[in-house]
């Protein structure tokens, strides 16, 4: 039973951020991913390979952009 209790060395260093993930990096990343997925879906429905590929590329670029924005300090610490 004593093992179930947390020891002070196992506690997190501080309280988590209070922004609940609502940061500029998160909003921009999710907006771009949503747009890319929409473009990809429309391209698949219409049978347009270039549009489907462009949507997929936009999703990948959005993920990279999100990590860059987080590294620049616009995301959660």
Protein backbone atom coordinates (compact mmCIF):
# COMPACT_ATOMS: atom_id res chain seq x y z
CA UNK A 1 0.00 0.00 0.00
CA UNK A 2 2.88 2.36 0.70
CA UNK A 3 4.11 1.93 -2.87
CA UNK A 4 0.90 3.43 -4.29
CA UNK A 5 1.61 6.81 -2.69
CA UNK A 6 3.64 9.31 -4.69
CA UNK A 7 6.89 10.46 -3.30
CA UNK A 8 8.00 14.10 -3.67
CA UNK A 9 10.66 13.07 -6.22
CA UNK A 10 7.95 11.64 -8.52
CA UNK A 11 5.80 14.77 -8.61
CA UNK A 12 5.82 17.07 -11.66
CA UNK A 13 8.09 20.13 -11.41
CA UNK A 14 5.20 22.60 -11.55
CA UNK A 15 1.61 23.07 -12.47
CA UNK A 16 0.66 22.47 -16.13
CA UNK A 17 -0.07 25.45 -18.39
CA UNK A 18 -3.52 26.91 -17.87
CA UNK A 19 -4.14 27.66 -21.57
CA UNK A 20 -5.56 24.16 -22.29
CA UNK A 21 -3.64 24.02 -25.56
CA UNK A 22 -5.37 27.08 -27.01
CA UNK A 23 -2.25 28.66 -28.45
CA UNK A 24 -1.57 30.41 -31.78
CA UNK A 25 0.55 27.44 -32.88
CA UNK A 26 -2.30 25.01 -32.21
CA UNK A 27 -4.95 27.13 -33.94
CA UNK A 28 -2.84 27.70 -37.05
CA UNK A 29 -1.77 24.06 -37.25
CA UNK A 30 -5.29 22.68 -36.88
CA UNK A 31 -6.72 25.20 -39.33
CA UNK A 32 -4.15 24.28 -41.96
CA UNK A 33 -4.63 20.54 -41.36
CA UNK A 34 -8.40 20.93 -41.71
CA UNK A 35 -8.01 22.90 -44.93
CA UNK A 36 -5.57 20.32 -46.32
CA UNK A 37 -7.88 17.44 -45.44
CA UNK A 38 -10.80 19.25 -47.09
CA UNK A 39 -8.81 19.88 -50.27
CA UNK A 40 -7.66 16.26 -50.30
CA UNK A 41 -11.21 14.97 -49.82
CA UNK A 42 -12.62 17.17 -52.59
CA UNK A 43 -9.81 16.08 -54.87
CA UNK A 44 -10.60 12.43 -54.20
CA UNK A 45 -14.33 12.93 -54.76
CA UNK A 46 -13.73 14.72 -58.06
CA UNK A 47 -11.01 12.27 -59.12
CA UNK A 48 -8.36 14.97 -59.28
CA UNK A 49 -5.01 13.50 -58.34
CA UNK A 50 -3.21 16.90 -58.22
CA UNK A 51 -5.79 18.29 -55.77
CA UNK A 52 -5.60 15.19 -53.57
CA UNK A 53 -1.80 15.35 -53.51
CA UNK A 54 -1.85 19.10 -52.82
CA UNK A 55 -4.13 18.52 -49.83
CA UNK A 56 -1.82 15.84 -48.48
CA UNK A 57 1.20 18.08 -48.93
CA UNK A 58 -0.60 20.89 -47.10
CA UNK A 59 -1.24 18.57 -44.15
CA UNK A 60 2.46 17.68 -43.92
CA UNK A 61 3.48 21.34 -44.23
CA UNK A 62 1.01 22.25 -41.47
CA UNK A 63 2.57 19.71 -39.12
CA UNK A 64 6.04 21.11 -39.76
CA UNK A 65 4.73 24.66 -39.36
CA UNK A 66 3.18 23.73 -36.02
CA UNK A 67 6.49 22.43 -34.68
CA UNK A 68 8.30 25.54 -35.94
CA UNK A 69 5.76 27.82 -34.24
CA UNK A 70 6.06 25.82 -31.03
CA UNK A 71 9.85 26.14 -31.14
CA UNK A 72 9.47 29.90 -31.66
CA UNK A 73 7.46 30.13 -28.44
CA UNK A 74 3.91 30.37 -29.81
CA UNK A 75 2.90 26.94 -28.44
CA UNK A 76 2.70 25.28 -25.08
CA UNK A 77 5.96 25.13 -23.17
